[in-house]
Amino acid sequence: MPQKLHETQEQKKRSLLVNLASEIDSGKELAGLAETLELEIVSHEVINIREKQPKFGMGSGKAGELAEKARQLEADCLVFDWDVTPSQQRNWEELSGISVLDRQELIIQIFKSRASTREAELQVQLAELQYRLPRLAHKYIDLSRQRGGRYGTRGAGETRLETDRRLIEQRIQKLRKEIDQVAKQRQVQRRQRERQELPVCAIVGYTNAGKSSLFNTLTGAGAFVEDKLFATLDATTRRFEPEPGLTALLVDTVGFIRRLPHTLIKAFRSTLEEASHADLLLHVVDASDASMENCYSTTVSVLSELGAGEIPVITVLNKSDKLSDETQADFHDGILVSAKTEKGLDDLKHCIADKIKLCMKYHPHS
């Protein structure tokens, strides 16, 4: 008689999402982040906070209601769409008896699951350790099971917390040095590109706007594409010809998001800064997204922070195949395209060629 196989696939964590009513537009995004991390959403609560007490970031009555709701729904974790302090995280976990994720940790964990190159892995490790360091007192992280044993490895009276804090700080320093080395390699690659005297166009935009799909369509490359947030974490560069005889380099970059955690901006700075070294930006916007104005503004703000605010830009309104009408076409003088059906791509290529000729030093290539 054949043996019965048991399910070994890990069950999805049941999550209760919490949004502020004052930021209702971000509810869809929080759900998208949770789904990208493969959490099962059992409920999505939208709350008003009338009294902001430091213990929970809200009144104890409202906190008790959410904890009770989580128990009734048998949730495995609470997910907040704002940053939770280390002490608040501890208080919430004691109150609810389940794990608590804030927006920062949710995005960091997504980056961690998406990292596929050595550079991305180093950057995510750095961001994660910087996030966890102030939380050590409340959530013990055992980085090393070997305690003591050698002279000088452990000070007199040093607690496990102090030991692990020291280990994390040492690991952070080591990661920073490794990332600096990778950043230097990236600078060498940029200088090699500059010696080729080819204009550089960077594709930028909000996460999941269809940047990688557009990149693939324009260059014939096989960059990873998925209908999830942060499918791309690494800058990929390919040659392309917007018109015969005119060669440029096209760079696909990591997507931006509202309130991108500062630890990630710092860790991924060398990757994000690819945009600031471009001659032309293709700002891709999801034309089918009702909140595209907010997405557009977020990207403009991050570009400005990275020193790329003055670079010539073409607004590309992607996913036109999802529109019932084309009334969005006048959005920031954008060019309406569909990377999926290739509609409007000829117009986009003509515009890219014109901008390159107008704004940059153009050197003919054989």
Protein backbone atom coordinates (compact mmCIF):
# COMPACT_ATOMS: atom_id res chain seq x y z
CA MET A 1 0.00 0.00 0.00
CA PRO A 2 1.53 3.38 -1.04
CA GLN A 3 2.53 5.67 1.79
CA LYS A 4 0.51 8.85 2.14
CA LEU A 5 2.59 11.97 1.47
CA HIS A 6 2.22 14.75 3.99
CA GLU A 7 2.09 18.41 3.05
CA THR A 8 5.49 19.95 3.75
CA GLN A 9 4.78 23.39 2.27
CA GLU A 10 4.92 26.07 4.92
CA GLN A 11 1.57 27.63 5.65
CA LYS A 12 1.19 31.32 4.99
CA LYS A 13 1.22 33.52 8.07
CA ARG A 14 -2.24 34.89 8.85
CA SER A 15 -1.93 38.68 9.13
CA LEU A 16 -4.17 41.45 10.40
CA LEU A 17 -3.33 44.70 8.60
CA VAL A 18 -3.84 48.09 10.25
CA ASN A 19 -4.11 51.40 8.37
CA LEU A 20 -4.83 54.94 9.54
CA ALA A 21 -8.07 56.44 8.21
CA SER A 22 -6.12 59.64 7.48
CA GLU A 23 -3.97 57.66 5.01
CA ILE A 24 -6.67 55.50 3.46
CA ASP A 25 -4.99 55.67 0.02
CA SER A 26 -2.09 53.61 1.38
CA GLY A 27 -4.35 50.67 2.26
CA LYS A 28 -4.05 49.08 -1.16
CA GLU A 29 -0.27 49.46 -1.02
CA LEU A 30 -0.03 47.84 2.43
CA ALA A 31 -2.07 44.90 1.13
CA GLY A 32 0.27 44.69 -1.87
CA LEU A 33 3.32 44.62 0.41
CA ALA A 34 1.76 41.88 2.57
CA GLU A 35 0.87 39.79 -0.49
CA THR A 36 4.38 40.24 -1.91
CA LEU A 37 5.74 38.81 1.35
CA GLU A 38 3.18 35.99 0.91
CA LEU A 39 1.20 36.78 4.04
CA GLU A 40 -2.43 35.70 4.18
CA ILE A 41 -4.61 38.73 4.93
CA VAL A 42 -7.39 37.75 7.36
CA SER A 43 -8.58 41.31 7.97
CA HIS A 44 -7.67 44.88 7.04
CA GLU A 45 -8.60 47.38 9.74
CA VAL A 46 -8.80 51.12 9.08
CA ILE A 47 -8.67 53.09 12.34
CA ASN A 48 -8.86 56.64 13.67
CA ILE A 49 -6.42 57.55 16.43
CA ARG A 50 -7.94 60.18 18.72
CA GLU A 51 -5.39 59.90 21.54
CA LYS A 52 -1.78 59.06 20.74
CA GLN A 53 -0.32 57.46 23.86
CA PRO A 54 3.37 56.48 23.69
CA LYS A 55 2.83 52.90 24.95
CA PHE A 56 1.05 51.69 21.78
CA GLY A 57 1.03 54.77 19.55
CA MET A 58 -2.72 54.97 20.27
CA GLY A 59 -5.08 54.68 23.22
CA SER A 60 -4.98 51.46 25.27
CA GLY A 61 -8.68 50.86 24.55
CA LYS A 62 -8.16 50.86 20.77
CA ALA A 63 -5.03 48.71 21.20
CA GLY A 64 -7.03 46.20 23.23
CA GLU A 65 -9.71 46.04 20.52
CA LEU A 66 -7.13 45.26 17.82
CA ALA A 67 -5.43 42.61 19.98
CA GLU A 68 -8.81 40.96 20.67
CA LYS A 69 -9.70 41.06 16.96
CA ALA A 70 -6.37 39.35 16.17
CA ARG A 71 -7.17 36.61 18.71
CA GLN A 72 -10.66 36.04 17.31
CA LEU A 73 -9.29 35.74 13.77
CA GLU A 74 -6.42 33.52 14.94
CA ALA A 75 -3.93 35.88 13.29
CA ASP A 76 -0.21 35.07 13.45
CA CYS A 77 0.96 38.67 13.14
CA LEU A 78 -0.12 42.30 13.28
CA VAL A 79 1.09 44.53 10.42
CA PHE A 80 1.06 48.32 10.86
CA ASP A 81 1.38 50.79 7.97
CA TRP A 82 3.60 53.10 10.00
CA ASP A 83 6.86 52.86 11.92
CA VAL A 84 6.60 51.29 15.37
CA THR A 85 9.23 52.10 18.01
CA PRO A 86 11.14 49.24 19.68
CA SER A 87 9.27 49.71 22.99
CA GLN A 88 5.89 49.86 21.20
CA GLN A 89 6.74 46.66 19.34
CA ARG A 90 7.46 44.92 22.65
CA ASN A 91 4.24 46.28 24.19
CA TRP A 92 2.15 45.14 21.22
CA GLU A 93 3.69 41.66 21.25
CA GLU A 94 3.05 41.32 25.02
CA LEU A 95 -0.55 42.51 24.57
CA SER A 96 -1.44 40.39 21.54
CA GLY A 97 0.81 37.37 22.04
CA ILE A 98 1.78 37.41 18.36
CA SER A 99 4.55 38.96 16.28
CA VAL A 100 4.33 42.58 15.12
CA LEU A 101 5.63 43.99 11.83
CA ASP A 102 5.74 47.68 11.00
CA ARG A 103 6.07 49.18 7.52
CA GLN A 104 9.88 49.35 7.73
CA GLU A 105 10.33 45.69 8.62
CA LEU A 106 7.76 44.59 6.02
CA ILE A 107 9.68 46.34 3.22
CA ILE A 108 13.06 45.12 4.52
CA GLN A 109 11.79 41.52 4.57
CA ILE A 110 10.53 41.89 0.98
CA PHE A 111 13.94 43.19 -0.10
CA LYS A 112 15.52 40.24 1.74
CA SER A 113 13.34 37.75 -0.15
CA ARG A 114 14.12 39.47 -3.48
CA ALA A 115 17.90 39.86 -3.14
CA SER A 116 19.53 37.69 -5.81
CA THR A 117 23.02 39.21 -6.22
CA ARG A 118 25.88 39.60 -3.76
CA GLU A 119 25.50 43.40 -3.74
CA ALA A 120 21.75 43.27 -3.01
CA GLU A 121 22.28 40.67 -0.27
CA LEU A 122 24.93 42.84 1.43
CA GLN A 123 22.72 45.92 1.24
CA VAL A 124 19.69 44.13 2.69
CA GLN A 125 21.76 42.58 5.51
CA LEU A 126 23.02 46.04 6.44
CA ALA A 127 19.53 47.57 6.44
CA GLU A 128 18.15 44.66 8.50
CA LEU A 129 20.88 44.86 11.16
CA GLN A 130 20.51 48.66 11.42
CA TYR A 131 16.77 48.17 11.94
CA ARG A 132 17.24 45.42 14.55
CA LEU A 133 20.07 46.94 16.60
CA PRO A 134 17.85 49.29 18.69
CA ARG A 135 15.37 46.42 19.13
CA LEU A 136 17.87 44.03 20.73
CA ALA A 137 16.67 44.80 24.24
CA HIS A 138 13.17 43.65 23.31
CA LYS A 139 13.76 40.90 20.77
CA TYR A 140 16.86 38.86 21.48
CA ILE A 141 18.92 38.00 18.39
CA ASP A 142 21.38 35.13 18.88
CA LEU A 143 24.09 35.79 16.31
CA SER A 144 26.60 33.45 17.83
CA ARG A 145 26.01 30.29 19.84
CA GLN A 146 29.68 30.21 20.88
CA ARG A 147 30.18 32.24 24.03
CA GLY A 148 33.59 33.06 25.43
CA GLY A 149 36.29 30.40 25.09
CA ARG A 150 39.04 32.76 23.99
CA TYR A 151 40.82 35.54 25.80
CA GLY A 152 39.52 38.96 24.79
CA THR A 153 36.30 37.77 23.20
CA ARG A 154 34.14 38.64 26.18
CA GLY A 155 34.60 41.39 28.71
CA ALA A 156 34.15 40.89 32.44
CA GLY A 157 30.49 40.99 33.38
CA GLU A 158 29.40 41.39 29.77
CA THR A 159 25.77 40.35 29.32
CA ARG A 160 24.41 38.35 26.38
CA LEU A 161 22.69 41.53 25.19
CA GLU A 162 25.97 43.49 25.23
CA THR A 163 27.77 40.62 23.47
CA ASP A 164 25.22 40.51 20.69
CA ARG A 165 25.10 44.29 20.38
CA ARG A 166 28.89 44.22 19.90
CA LEU A 167 28.62 41.37 17.35
CA ILE A 168 25.97 43.23 15.35
CA GLU A 169 27.98 46.47 15.40
CA GLN A 170 31.05 44.57 14.16
CA ARG A 171 28.97 42.93 11.42
CA ILE A 172 27.58 46.33 10.38
CA GLN A 173 31.12 47.73 10.05
CA LYS A 174 32.20 44.73 7.99
CA LEU A 175 29.15 45.03 5.70
CA ARG A 176 29.79 48.75 5.17
CA LYS A 177 33.35 48.00 4.05
CA GLU A 178 32.16 45.27 1.66
CA ILE A 179 29.46 47.57 0.23
CA ASP A 180 32.07 50.33 -0.23
CA GLN A 181 34.16 47.87 -2.26
CA VAL A 182 31.14 46.99 -4.44
CA ALA A 183 30.36 50.70 -4.84
CA LYS A 184 33.92 51.27 -6.11
CA GLN A 185 33.43 48.47 -8.66
CA ARG A 186 30.21 50.17 -9.76
CA GLN A 187 32.13 53.46 -10.20
CA VAL A 188 34.68 51.64 -12.40
CA GLN A 189 31.82 50.27 -14.52
CA ARG A 190 30.38 53.80 -14.85
CA ARG A 191 33.75 55.16 -15.98
CA GLN A 192 33.99 52.37 -18.57
CA ARG A 193 30.54 53.35 -19.84
CA GLU A 194 31.59 57.01 -20.00
CA ARG A 195 34.67 56.07 -22.05
CA GLN A 196 32.35 54.48 -24.57
CA GLU A 197 30.80 57.96 -24.85
CA LEU A 198 27.31 56.50 -25.04
CA PRO A 199 24.39 58.47 -23.57
CA VAL A 200 22.75 56.78 -20.58
CA CYS A 201 18.98 56.58 -20.08
CA ALA A 202 17.74 55.35 -16.69
CA ILE A 203 14.27 53.89 -16.21
CA VAL A 204 12.89 55.09 -12.88
CA GLY A 205 9.51 55.04 -11.18
CA TYR A 206 7.30 53.67 -8.47
CA THR A 207 7.59 49.97 -7.73
CA ASN A 208 5.43 47.76 -9.99
CA ALA A 209 4.90 50.50 -12.60
CA GLY A 210 6.19 48.14 -15.30
CA LYS A 211 9.78 49.39 -15.55
CA SER A 212 11.35 45.97 -16.18
CA SER A 213 8.70 45.09 -18.78
CA LEU A 214 9.47 48.33 -20.63
CA PHE A 215 13.22 47.67 -20.28
CA ASN A 216 12.79 44.19 -21.80
CA THR A 217 10.63 45.49 -24.65
CA LEU A 218 13.05 48.28 -25.57
CA THR A 219 16.23 46.20 -25.32
CA GLY A 220 15.13 42.61 -25.91
CA ALA A 221 16.70 41.73 -22.55
CA GLY A 222 15.35 39.15 -20.15
CA ALA A 223 15.22 41.14 -16.91
CA PHE A 224 13.08 39.48 -14.24
CA VAL A 225 9.44 40.59 -14.46
CA GLU A 226 6.70 39.84 -11.94
CA ASP A 227 3.46 41.58 -11.03
CA LYS A 228 4.61 42.18 -7.47
CA LEU A 229 6.28 45.00 -5.58
CA PHE A 230 10.09 45.23 -5.80
CA ALA A 231 10.60 42.54 -8.44
CA THR A 232 13.87 44.31 -9.37
CA LEU A 233 16.53 45.23 -6.79
CA ASP A 234 19.59 45.48 -9.01
CA ALA A 235 20.46 47.97 -11.71
CA THR A 236 20.72 46.19 -15.08
CA THR A 237 22.28 47.90 -18.13
CA ARG A 238 21.78 47.05 -21.82
CA ARG A 239 22.47 48.77 -25.15
CA PHE A 240 19.53 49.85 -27.27
CA GLU A 241 18.87 51.92 -30.39
CA PRO A 242 15.99 54.40 -30.14
CA GLU A 243 16.52 54.93 -33.87
CA PRO A 244 18.89 53.36 -36.45
CA GLY A 245 22.48 54.56 -35.94
CA LEU A 246 21.82 56.08 -32.52
CA THR A 247 23.05 53.87 -29.67
CA ALA A 248 22.40 54.48 -25.98
CA LEU A 249 22.62 52.56 -22.72
CA LEU A 250 19.39 51.80 -20.88
CA VAL A 251 19.52 51.17 -17.10
CA ASP A 252 16.70 49.43 -15.22
CA THR A 253 16.64 50.57 -11.56
CA VAL A 254 15.06 49.54 -8.25
CA GLY A 255 11.52 50.86 -7.76
CA PHE A 256 10.66 53.61 -5.31
CA ILE A 257 7.85 53.56 -2.76
CA ARG A 258 6.19 56.00 -0.39
CA ARG A 259 8.16 56.29 2.87
CA LEU A 260 10.96 53.99 1.70
CA PRO A 261 12.79 53.14 4.96
CA HIS A 262 15.81 55.37 5.48
CA THR A 263 17.97 52.32 6.31
CA LEU A 264 17.22 50.95 2.83
CA ILE A 265 17.91 54.27 1.10
CA LYS A 266 21.30 54.42 2.85
CA ALA A 267 22.14 50.76 2.19
CA PHE A 268 21.03 50.83 -1.46
CA ARG A 269 22.46 54.27 -2.16
CA SER A 270 25.03 53.09 -4.73
CA THR A 271 22.29 51.20 -6.60
CA LEU A 272 19.73 54.00 -6.35
CA GLU A 273 22.31 56.56 -7.47
CA GLU A 274 22.48 54.94 -10.92
CA ALA A 275 19.67 57.36 -11.78
CA SER A 276 21.74 60.41 -10.80
CA HIS A 277 24.47 59.46 -13.30
CA ALA A 278 22.08 59.24 -16.27
CA ASP A 279 21.78 61.76 -19.12
CA LEU A 280 18.05 61.14 -19.49
CA LEU A 281 15.38 59.69 -17.17
CA LEU A 282 12.38 57.68 -18.33
CA HIS A 283 9.92 58.15 -15.46
CA VAL A 284 7.51 55.23 -15.77
CA VAL A 285 4.05 55.66 -14.23
CA ASP A 286 1.28 53.04 -14.07
CA ALA A 287 -1.45 54.87 -16.00
CA SER A 288 -4.08 52.44 -14.70
CA ASP A 289 -3.32 53.21 -11.04
CA ALA A 290 -5.86 55.55 -9.41
CA SER A 291 -3.13 56.89 -7.09
CA MET A 292 -0.62 57.58 -9.88
CA GLU A 293 -0.26 61.25 -8.89
CA ASN A 294 1.02 60.18 -5.44
CA CYS A 295 3.33 57.59 -7.03
CA TYR A 296 4.67 60.23 -9.44
CA SER A 297 5.29 62.72 -6.60
CA THR A 298 7.07 60.09 -4.47
CA THR A 299 9.46 59.23 -7.31
CA VAL A 300 10.18 62.91 -8.03
CA SER A 301 10.90 63.46 -4.32
CA VAL A 302 13.32 60.49 -4.06
CA LEU A 303 15.08 61.51 -7.31
CA SER A 304 15.58 64.99 -5.89
CA GLU A 305 17.04 63.49 -2.67
CA LEU A 306 19.48 61.44 -4.78
CA GLY A 307 20.63 64.51 -6.71
CA ALA A 308 18.83 63.56 -9.93
CA GLY A 309 16.19 66.27 -9.84
CA GLU A 310 17.67 68.38 -12.66
CA ILE A 311 18.17 65.60 -15.24
CA PRO A 312 15.95 65.81 -18.37
CA VAL A 313 12.98 63.48 -18.05
CA ILE A 314 10.34 61.82 -20.23
CA THR A 315 7.15 60.75 -18.43
CA VAL A 316 6.06 57.33 -19.70
CA LEU A 317 2.45 56.37 -18.97
CA ASN A 318 2.65 52.58 -19.03
CA LYS A 319 -0.07 49.89 -18.90
CA SER A 320 -2.32 51.78 -21.34
CA ASP A 321 -3.80 48.38 -22.27
CA LYS A 322 -5.55 48.43 -18.87
CA LEU A 323 -7.29 51.77 -19.52
CA SER A 324 -10.94 51.95 -20.58
CA ASP A 325 -10.21 55.34 -22.14
CA GLU A 326 -7.09 57.41 -22.74
CA THR A 327 -7.96 60.52 -20.74
CA GLN A 328 -4.74 60.09 -18.72
CA ALA A 329 -2.62 60.97 -21.77
CA ASP A 330 -2.15 64.62 -20.72
CA PHE A 331 -0.62 63.63 -17.35
CA HIS A 332 2.63 65.63 -17.04
CA ASP A 333 2.99 65.64 -20.87
CA GLY A 334 3.39 61.88 -20.71
CA ILE A 335 3.64 59.44 -23.60
CA LEU A 336 1.00 56.73 -23.40
CA VAL A 337 2.47 53.27 -23.99
CA SER A 338 1.95 49.61 -23.24
CA ALA A 339 5.07 47.52 -22.70
CA LYS A 340 2.79 44.48 -23.00
CA THR A 341 1.21 45.26 -26.40
CA GLU A 342 4.03 47.61 -27.57
CA LYS A 343 1.48 50.32 -28.33
CA GLY A 344 3.06 53.80 -28.35
CA LEU A 345 6.65 52.50 -28.26
CA ASP A 346 7.55 54.07 -31.61
CA ASP A 347 6.46 57.48 -30.28
CA LEU A 348 8.53 56.88 -27.15
CA LYS A 349 11.64 55.92 -29.14
CA HIS A 350 11.31 59.06 -31.31
CA CYS A 351 11.05 61.18 -28.17
CA ILE A 352 14.09 59.49 -26.59
CA ALA A 353 16.12 60.05 -29.77
CA ASP A 354 15.11 63.73 -29.93
CA LYS A 355 16.00 64.30 -26.25
CA ILE A 356 19.37 62.59 -26.66
CA LYS A 357 20.24 64.74 -29.67
CA LEU A 358 19.00 67.91 -27.99
CA CYS A 359 20.34 67.56 -24.45
CA MET A 360 23.48 65.43 -24.70
CA LYS A 361 26.76 65.19 -26.45
CA TYR A 362 26.07 62.78 -29.26
CA HIS A 363 28.89 60.79 -30.76
CA PRO A 364 28.08 58.63 -33.84
CA HIS A 365 29.00 54.97 -33.48
CA SER A 366 29.78 52.49 -36.16
